[in-house]
C-alpha atoms as a PDB file:
ATOM      1  CA  MET A   1     137.469  45.769 124.999  1.00  0.00           C
ATOM      2  CA  LEU A   2     141.108  45.531 126.062  1.00  0.00           C
ATOM      3  CA  LEU A   3     140.910  41.768 125.751  1.00  0.00           C
ATOM      4  CA  GLY A   4     139.541  42.088 122.209  1.00  0.00           C
ATOM      5  CA  MET A   5     142.346  44.441 121.174  1.00  0.00           C
ATOM      6  CA  THR A   6     144.926  42.044 122.623  1.00  0.00           C
ATOM      7  CA  THR A   7     143.405  39.115 120.757  1.00  0.00           C
ATOM      8  CA  GLN A   8     143.515  41.035 117.479  1.00  0.00           C
ATOM      9  CA  ALA A   9     147.111  41.994 118.096  1.00  0.00           C
ATOM     10  CA  PHE A  10     148.375  38.404 118.287  1.00  0.00           C
ATOM     11  CA  PRO A  11     147.855  37.568 114.582  1.00  0.00           C
ATOM     12  CA  VAL A  12     149.598  40.817 113.660  1.00  0.00           C
ATOM     13  CA  LEU A  13     152.567  39.949 115.866  1.00  0.00           C
ATOM     14  CA  GLU A  14     152.740  36.437 114.424  1.00  0.00           C
ATOM     15  CA  GLN A  15     152.829  37.844 110.909  1.00  0.00           C
ATOM     16  CA  LEU A  16     155.624  40.230 111.872  1.00  0.00           C
ATOM     17  CA  GLU A  17     157.663  37.398 113.390  1.00  0.00           C
ATOM     18  CA  ARG A  18     157.311  35.145 110.364  1.00  0.00           C
ATOM     19  CA  PRO A  19     160.070  35.586 107.779  1.00  0.00           C
ATOM     20  CA  ALA A  20     158.894  37.097 104.524  1.00  0.00           C
ATOM     21  CA  PRO A  21     158.732  34.668 101.598  1.00  0.00           C
ATOM     22  CA  ARG A  22     161.968  34.737  99.627  1.00  0.00           C
ATOM     23  CA  GLN A  23     161.683  36.468  96.287  1.00  0.00           C
ATOM     24  CA  GLU A  24     163.683  35.243  93.317  1.00  0.00           C
ATOM     25  CA  THR A  25     166.324  37.730  92.244  1.00  0.00           C
ATOM     26  CA  VAL A  26     166.755  38.784  88.624  1.00  0.00           C
ATOM     27  CA  ILE A  27     170.033  36.848  88.414  1.00  0.00           C
ATOM     28  CA  GLU A  28     168.354  33.666  89.680  1.00  0.00           C
ATOM     29  CA  ARG A  29     165.511  34.038  87.186  1.00  0.00           C
ATOM     30  CA  VAL A  30     167.951  34.550  84.337  1.00  0.00           C
ATOM     31  CA  ALA A  31     169.955  31.491  85.449  1.00  0.00           C
ATOM     32  CA  SER A  32     166.772  29.398  85.646  1.00  0.00           C
ATOM     33  CA  SER A  33     165.702  30.603  82.197  1.00  0.00           C
ATOM     34  CA  ARG A  34     169.102  29.739  80.732  1.00  0.00           C
ATOM     35  CA  LYS A  35     168.986  26.281  82.298  1.00  0.00           C
ATOM     36  CA  THR A  36     165.540  25.642  80.823  1.00  0.00           C
ATOM     37  CA  HIS A  37     166.749  26.848  77.430  1.00  0.00           C
ATOM     38  CA  ASP A  38     169.796  24.584  77.670  1.00  0.00           C
ATOM     39  CA  VAL A  39     167.624  21.560  78.484  1.00  0.00           C
ATOM     40  CA  LEU A  40     165.318  22.289  75.531  1.00  0.00           C
ATOM     41  CA  VAL A  41     168.299  22.636  73.183  1.00  0.00           C
ATOM     42  CA  LYS A  42     169.687  19.307  74.402  1.00  0.00           C
ATOM     43  CA  ALA A  43     166.279  17.661  73.956  1.00  0.00           C
ATOM     44  CA  LEU A  44     166.114  18.883  70.347  1.00  0.00           C
ATOM     45  CA  GLY A  45     169.713  17.781  69.829  1.00  0.00           C
ATOM     46  CA  THR A  46     168.848  14.298  71.078  1.00  0.00           C
ATOM     47  CA  ILE A  47     165.975  14.071  68.612  1.00  0.00           C
ATOM     48  CA  GLY A  48     168.112  15.346  65.727  1.00  0.00           C
ATOM     49  CA  PHE A  49     171.153  13.141  66.412  1.00  0.00           C
ATOM     50  CA  SER A  50     169.085  10.001  66.896  1.00  0.00           C
ATOM     51  CA  ALA A  51     167.175  10.762  63.677  1.00  0.00           C
ATOM     52  CA  LEU A  52     170.483  11.042  61.813  1.00  0.00           C
ATOM     53  CA  TRP A  53     171.606   7.693  63.258  1.00  0.00           C
ATOM     54  CA  GLY A  54     168.344   6.126  62.116  1.00  0.00           C
ATOM     55  CA  LEU A  55     168.768   7.607  58.644  1.00  0.00           C
ATOM     56  CA  CYS A  56     172.258   6.117  58.345  1.00  0.00           C
ATOM     57  CA  ALA A  57     171.165   2.750  59.776  1.00  0.00           C
ATOM     58  CA  GLY A  58     168.606   2.318  56.994  1.00  0.00           C
ATOM     59  CA  SER A  59     170.622   3.918  54.195  1.00  0.00           C
ATOM     60  CA  ALA A  60     170.566   0.720  52.104  1.00  0.00           C
ATOM     61  CA  LYS A  61     166.806   1.170  51.645  1.00  0.00           C
ATOM     62  CA  PRO A  62     165.621   4.785  51.096  1.00  0.00           C
ATOM     63  CA  LEU A  63     162.090   4.216  52.433  1.00  0.00           C
ATOM     64  CA  MET A  64     163.439   2.553  55.584  1.00  0.00           C
ATOM     65  CA  ALA A  65     165.932   5.378  56.072  1.00  0.00           C
ATOM     66  CA  LEU A  66     163.185   8.007  55.845  1.00  0.00           C
ATOM     67  CA  ALA A  67     160.964   6.045  58.232  1.00  0.00           C
ATOM     68  CA  ASN A  68     163.849   5.768  60.718  1.00  0.00           C
ATOM     69  CA  VAL A  69     164.091   9.574  60.851  1.00  0.00           C
ATOM     70  CA  TYR A  70     160.966   9.660  63.004  1.00  0.00           C
ATOM     71  CA  LYS A  71     160.914   6.087  64.390  1.00  0.00           C
ATOM     72  CA  VAL A  72     164.211   6.222  66.329  1.00  0.00           C
ATOM     73  CA  PRO A  73     163.469   9.599  68.041  1.00  0.00           C
ATOM     74  CA  MET A  74     159.943   8.338  68.738  1.00  0.00           C
ATOM     75  CA  VAL A  75     161.287   5.304  70.617  1.00  0.00           C
ATOM     76  CA  ILE A  76     163.634   7.462  72.730  1.00  0.00           C
ATOM     77  CA  THR A  77     160.907  10.005  73.525  1.00  0.00           C
ATOM     78  CA  LEU A  78     158.362   7.328  74.454  1.00  0.00           C
ATOM     79  CA  ALA A  79     160.931   5.565  76.646  1.00  0.00           C
ATOM     80  CA  LEU A  80     161.496   8.795  78.577  1.00  0.00           C
ATOM     81  CA  VAL A  81     157.749   9.355  79.011  1.00  0.00           C
ATOM     82  CA  VAL A  82     157.143   5.741  80.102  1.00  0.00           C
ATOM     83  CA  SER A  83     160.028   5.899  82.608  1.00  0.00           C
ATOM     84  CA  LEU A  84     159.033   9.165  84.301  1.00  0.00           C
ATOM     85  CA  PRO A  85     156.267   7.768  86.586  1.00  0.00           C
ATOM     86  CA  ALA A  86     158.581   5.105  88.072  1.00  0.00           C
ATOM     87  CA  VAL A  87     161.372   7.663  88.482  1.00  0.00           C
ATOM     88  CA  LEU A  88     159.144  10.211  90.225  1.00  0.00           C
ATOM     89  CA  VAL A  89     157.601   7.553  92.492  1.00  0.00           C
ATOM     90  CA  THR A  90     161.110   6.430  93.471  1.00  0.00           C
ATOM     91  CA  ARG A  91     162.001  10.047  94.246  1.00  0.00           C
ATOM     92  CA  HIS A  92     158.951  10.288  96.500  1.00  0.00           C
ATOM     93  CA  LEU A  93     159.627   6.984  98.298  1.00  0.00           C
ATOM     94  CA  LEU A  94     163.261   7.930  98.932  1.00  0.00           C
ATOM     95  CA  ARG A  95     162.123  11.367 100.151  1.00  0.00           C
ATOM     96  CA  ILE A  96     164.527  13.179  97.875  1.00  0.00           C
ATOM     97  CA  GLU A  97     163.743  16.869  98.154  1.00  0.00           C
ATOM     98  CA  LEU A  98     164.334  17.780  94.538  1.00  0.00           C
ATOM     99  CA  HIS A  99     162.001  19.420  92.082  1.00  0.00           C
ATOM    100  CA  PRO A 100     160.883  16.982  89.345  1.00  0.00           C
ATOM    101  CA  ARG A 101     162.197  19.501  86.825  1.00  0.00           C
ATOM    102  CA  GLU A 102     165.755  18.887  88.049  1.00  0.00           C
ATOM    103  CA  ILE A 103     165.431  15.123  87.597  1.00  0.00           C
ATOM    104  CA  VAL A 104     163.939  15.521  84.121  1.00  0.00           C
ATOM    105  CA  ALA A 105     166.793  17.863  83.222  1.00  0.00           C
ATOM    106  CA  ALA A 106     169.335  15.234  84.338  1.00  0.00           C
ATOM    107  CA  LEU A 107     167.569  12.604  82.219  1.00  0.00           C
ATOM    108  CA  VAL A 108     167.542  14.861  79.156  1.00  0.00           C
ATOM    109  CA  VAL A 109     171.243  15.691  79.547  1.00  0.00           C
ATOM    110  CA  SER A 110     172.109  11.984  79.833  1.00  0.00           C
ATOM    111  CA  LEU A 111     170.078  11.153  76.711  1.00  0.00           C
ATOM    112  CA  PHE A 112     171.803  13.993  74.862  1.00  0.00           C
ATOM    113  CA  ARG A 113     175.235  12.595  75.693  1.00  0.00           C
ATOM    114  CA  ALA A 114     174.090   9.150  74.617  1.00  0.00           C
ATOM    115  CA  SER A 115     172.902  10.624  71.317  1.00  0.00           C
ATOM    116  CA  LEU A 116     176.372  12.127  70.800  1.00  0.00           C
ATOM    117  CA  VAL A 117     177.681   8.554  70.622  1.00  0.00           C
ATOM    118  CA  LEU A 118     175.075   7.772  67.963  1.00  0.00           C
ATOM    119  CA  LEU A 119     176.095  10.908  66.073  1.00  0.00           C
ATOM    120  CA  GLY A 120     179.748   9.897  66.129  1.00  0.00           C
ATOM    121  CA  VAL A 121     179.022   6.412  64.758  1.00  0.00           C
ATOM    122  CA  ALA A 122     176.347   7.514  62.253  1.00  0.00           C
ATOM    123  CA  PRO A 123     178.612   8.252  59.228  1.00  0.00           C
ATOM    124  CA  LEU A 124     180.496   4.954  59.606  1.00  0.00           C
ATOM    125  CA  LEU A 125     177.211   3.113  60.100  1.00  0.00           C
ATOM    126  CA  GLY A 126     175.840   4.728  56.944  1.00  0.00           C
ATOM    127  CA  VAL A 127     178.809   3.512  54.898  1.00  0.00           C
ATOM    128  CA  TYR A 128     178.529  -0.055  56.208  1.00  0.00           C
ATOM    129  CA  ALA A 129     174.745  -0.145  55.897  1.00  0.00           C
ATOM    130  CA  TYR A 130     175.004   0.891  52.239  1.00  0.00           C
ATOM    131  CA  THR A 131     177.841  -1.459  51.305  1.00  0.00           C
ATOM    132  CA  THR A 132     177.304  -4.584  53.446  1.00  0.00           C
ATOM    133  CA  GLN A 133     174.319  -6.343  54.978  1.00  0.00           C
ATOM    134  CA  PHE A 134     176.038  -8.333  57.704  1.00  0.00           C
ATOM    135  CA  ILE A 135     178.434  -5.951  59.494  1.00  0.00           C
ATOM    136  CA  ALA A 136     176.022  -3.013  59.622  1.00  0.00           C
ATOM    137  CA  PRO A 137     173.484  -4.579  62.037  1.00  0.00           C
ATOM    138  CA  LEU A 138     176.296  -5.629  64.367  1.00  0.00           C
ATOM    139  CA  LEU A 139     177.794  -2.121  64.285  1.00  0.00           C
ATOM    140  CA  ALA A 140     174.364  -0.600  64.921  1.00  0.00           C
ATOM    141  CA  GLN A 141     173.752  -2.802  67.957  1.00  0.00           C
ATOM    142  CA  VAL A 142     177.214  -2.150  69.395  1.00  0.00           C
ATOM    143  CA  SER A 143     176.768   1.611  68.984  1.00  0.00           C
ATOM    144  CA  ALA A 144     173.338   1.459  70.637  1.00  0.00           C
ATOM    145  CA  PHE A 145     174.710  -0.415  73.662  1.00  0.00           C
ATOM    146  CA  LEU A 146     177.661   1.973  73.880  1.00  0.00           C
ATOM    147  CA  ALA A 147     175.269   4.927  73.800  1.00  0.00           C
ATOM    148  CA  LEU A 148     173.199   3.313  76.561  1.00  0.00           C
ATOM    149  CA  ALA A 149     176.298   2.838  78.733  1.00  0.00           C
ATOM    150  CA  VAL A 150     177.449   6.433  78.174  1.00  0.00           C
ATOM    151  CA  GLY A 151     173.941   7.687  78.967  1.00  0.00           C
ATOM    152  CA  GLY A 152     173.830   5.717  82.228  1.00  0.00           C
ATOM    153  CA  PHE A 153     177.214   7.038  83.316  1.00  0.00           C
ATOM    154  CA  ALA A 154     176.220  10.599  82.380  1.00  0.00           C
ATOM    155  CA  LEU A 155     172.994  10.280  84.377  1.00  0.00           C
ATOM    156  CA  GLN A 156     174.849   9.228  87.529  1.00  0.00           C
ATOM    157  CA  THR A 157     177.234  12.168  87.030  1.00  0.00           C
ATOM    158  CA  GLU A 158     174.383  14.652  86.628  1.00  0.00           C
ATOM    159  CA  LEU A 159     172.493  13.308  89.651  1.00  0.00           C
ATOM    160  CA  ARG A 160     175.585  13.551  91.877  1.00  0.00           C
ATOM    161  CA  ARG A 161     175.620  17.286  91.253  1.00  0.00           C
ATOM    162  CA  LEU A 162     172.173  17.742  92.785  1.00  0.00           C
ATOM    163  CA  PRO A 163     171.780  18.727  96.454  1.00  0.00           C
ATOM    164  CA  ALA A 164     170.619  15.397  97.906  1.00  0.00           C
ATOM    165  CA  PRO A 165     172.130  12.448  99.845  1.00  0.00           C
ATOM    166  CA  PRO A 166     174.518  10.474  97.557  1.00  0.00           C
ATOM    167  CA  ARG A 167     173.106   7.039  98.462  1.00  0.00           C
ATOM    168  CA  GLN A 168     169.579   8.065  97.609  1.00  0.00           C
ATOM    169  CA  LEU A 169     170.741   9.598  94.340  1.00  0.00           C
ATOM    170  CA  LEU A 170     172.614   6.379  93.515  1.00  0.00           C
ATOM    171  CA  VAL A 171     169.438   4.323  93.998  1.00  0.00           C
ATOM    172  CA  LEU A 172     167.454   6.832  91.955  1.00  0.00           C
ATOM    173  CA  GLY A 173     170.050   6.662  89.179  1.00  0.00           C
ATOM    174  CA  LEU A 174     169.950   2.859  89.094  1.00  0.00           C
ATOM    175  CA  VAL A 175     166.168   2.916  88.866  1.00  0.00           C
ATOM    176  CA  CYS A 176     166.335   5.473  86.040  1.00  0.00           C
ATOM    177  CA  VAL A 177     168.840   3.417  84.041  1.00  0.00           C
ATOM    178  CA  GLY A 178     166.942   0.161  84.638  1.00  0.00           C
ATOM    179  CA  VAL A 179     163.530   1.505  83.660  1.00  0.00           C
ATOM    180  CA  LEU A 180     164.862   3.409  80.653  1.00  0.00           C
ATOM    181  CA  SER A 181     166.718   0.326  79.393  1.00  0.00           C
ATOM    182  CA  LEU A 182     163.676  -1.920  79.767  1.00  0.00           C
ATOM    183  CA  SER A 183     161.478   0.672  78.050  1.00  0.00           C
ATOM    184  CA  LEU A 184     163.872   1.103  75.125  1.00  0.00           C
ATOM    185  CA  LEU A 185     164.311  -2.639  74.595  1.00  0.00           C
ATOM    186  CA  GLN A 186     160.553  -3.201  74.454  1.00  0.00           C
ATOM    187  CA  LEU A 187     159.515  -0.053  72.580  1.00  0.00           C
ATOM    188  CA  ILE A 188     161.932  -0.863  69.774  1.00  0.00           C
ATOM    189  CA  THR A 189     159.356  -3.447  68.675  1.00  0.00           C
ATOM    190  CA  LEU A 190     157.118  -0.527  67.630  1.00  0.00           C
ATOM    191  CA  ALA A 191     159.827   0.782  65.282  1.00  0.00           C
ATOM    192  CA  THR A 192     160.946  -2.542  63.765  1.00  0.00           C
ATOM    193  CA  PRO A 193     162.359  -2.805  61.141  1.00  0.00           C
ATOM    194  CA  VAL A 194     165.111  -0.252  61.731  1.00  0.00           C
ATOM    195  CA  LEU A 195     167.911  -2.370  60.229  1.00  0.00           C
ATOM    196  CA  THR A 196     167.955  -4.262  56.949  1.00  0.00           C
ATOM    197  CA  ILE A 197     168.463  -7.598  58.725  1.00  0.00           C
ATOM    198  CA  PRO A 198     166.173  -8.637  61.639  1.00  0.00           C
ATOM    199  CA  THR A 199     167.877  -8.991  65.023  1.00  0.00           C
ATOM    200  CA  ALA A 200     166.865 -10.442  68.384  1.00  0.00           C
ATOM    201  CA  PHE A 201     166.254  -6.921  69.693  1.00  0.00           C
ATOM    202  CA  GLY A 202     163.524  -6.368  67.121  1.00  0.00           C
ATOM    203  CA  ALA A 203     161.299  -8.746  69.090  1.00  0.00           C
ATOM    204  CA  GLY A 204     161.849  -6.936  72.393  1.00  0.00           C
ATOM    205  CA  ILE A 205     162.565  -8.676  75.695  1.00  0.00           C
ATOM    206  CA  GLU A 206     160.995 -11.934  74.505  1.00  0.00           C
ATOM    207  CA  GLY A 207     163.347 -12.062  71.516  1.00  0.00           C
ATOM    208  CA  MET A 208     166.380 -11.651  73.774  1.00  0.00           C
ATOM    209  CA  LEU A 209     165.253 -14.387  76.162  1.00  0.00           C
ATOM    210  CA  ARG A 210     164.729 -17.006  73.451  1.00  0.00           C
END
């Protein structure tokens, strides 16, 4: 009987020795909620700013401009979705102990900052697209590449803020930028035509390699 009581006591003692699971405080929950809200606002901002850029890029042709309002955000959204599996697999292989939500948030913030570049160029692009056929496509392509560069730099900045080894975050950032760029360049074929004059980028990777 004494042996049985001793045996039953061991699990109780083990439970007492184990630290209680940490409960989230109200302040932490509020901070997490605000961060989620901020990410959602930036995601909507990215969609809105890129739609405005698309509208201005096709301003010479009203039907093209209206189609660009959904085509350009569609390409950006699909590129993010297509890139996520490779990004999350890289995170797992590098053993980066970060929640996927944090990586997605960094990607959304970087895309938002890239869309700010598109927003800044959009009015000028609209003027050129409406008044000239030759300069507008060049301006559109330059602004797109500039936005891509700003987005890549912003992504590296956001990832460096996360609690993980810098070298692993650098590799993860390079993978993110590479996969996103390849996805965008190929998915743009689904949205073509976006500009009044066809460009090499309208044919995707194959068009660039010709």
